[in-house]
Amino acid sequence: MNKKYKLELLAPAGDMEKLKTAILYGADAVYFGGQIGSLRAGAGNLSIPEIKEAMDFIHSHNCKGYMTLNIYPHNDEIPVLRDYISKIKDIPIDAFLISDPGIMGLVKEQIPHAEIHLSTQANTTNYLTALYWAGQGVKRIVAAREMSLKELREMRSELPEDIEIEAFVHGAMCISYSGRCLLSNFMAGRDANRGACTHPCRWKYSLVEEQRPGEYYPIEEDAHGSYIMNSRDLCMIDRIPDLADAGVVSLKIEGRMKSMYYVATVISAYRSAIDKFLADPDGYVYDPADFEELCKASHREFTHGFYYNKPTDKDQNYLTSDYIRDYSFVGLVREHDENTGLTTVEQRNKFSVGDTIEIFGPRTPYYEEVISEMYDEEGQPVTSAPHPQQVLRIRFKRVPGENFIMRKKK
């Protein structure tokens, strides 16, 4: 008999468009930041009216929404946070992601029934620490990225049954312990622990000897130079059964700063893989097509992180911090007119008549179309779409649905 698993696909939502995209493309839950207290200050984040709208949308799709309040504040930020929490306390947010005990106290003070998830920033790497936080009323532990699957299994066995484990399965890896980094603050005056990281771990470095100022010695593997702190991206799409067997219930995708196209592509791929596993855990066979689909979003080379062993030089990329971008997001489908047979598309990158385009949508595998007929808003035929967010009307052989995405191989 198949073992029953509970798996939640948890998606990043940097703004309202990305939030809705994540839900439509298969996420069971999303995590988002407000304009105060989030560790992704540059993600766009949501205003208070938008948080209300977001939760209405999320709940209308039978999904969940978790709000991040995971900064480490200084004294002068406490009154601001207290006031902010008072303004959002009546919004039906499903849980709050928190790392600082002080913020946890502020939330409990004003929202006694709030569900608390312990952020990965709290550096939980063992079951004793997890048990401590469970005793403080935390419902879910977001494991530190430094934990192995073996350690996660041990943690699961020591925790009460109602305490859940969430773990990152995809996205950028921080060179610093659980993301607790001072490098950005030191080098650029922007504090990573308060949402303003400049990612100096992705920069290229040379060595200077103290008595020879101005003489730079490259730290290099070869002539390309060296990005000595540049980790590969985490990817566990091929190891979903291992995560489930370790007791992880929420599979978390990193990337509140990433694009809407990235969110749609990555969530679609993981949704497909998770659904195949849940349909038949005992007979599940990993499908490489899910990984191939995943790679159509921008990414670095991949690693399994700390899950199986301590990372080595094979998990770093010493040559470049650039992304691999094999596809361009070229259009978003808005609506179809049955009378004219034309579909309205909002352009996102240039494409032309004669181009072969891949189209995919929520829980819909991609298919190809050749653009043969295209018109501008005035109804005039055009041969290319060079203008950002240009509105076009296109005749397709197979009519795509609303919010379907068009992409083109570079």
Foldseek 3Di string as FASTA:
>chain_A
DDDAFFAFEEEEALDDLLLLLLLLQFGQEYEFEDCAQALANPLNTHYLVVLLVSQVSQVVSVHAYEYENAFDDDPVCVVVLLVVLLSNLPRPHQAYEYQDVVSVVSNCVRNVVHAYEHALLNADAALVVVQVVVVVRHQEYEHWLQHALVRLLVNCVNDPVRRAYEYEAWWADALDGSQCDCVQCVPPVAHSSRRGRPPCLQDFDWDDDPVGPPDTHFPDPDPLTFSPSAFFIGHCLQPVLSCRNSRHHYHYYDDSNDDSVLSSQLSNLSSVSVVQCSVPVVPRDRDCVSVVSNVQGWGGDYDNDNHPHHDDCVRGDTRHNGTDHFKDFFWFWAAADPVVQWTKIFTAAKDFQQAWKWKATRNGDIDIWGFHWKAFPVRHTDGMDHDHRGIMIGHTPDDDDHGITIMHGD
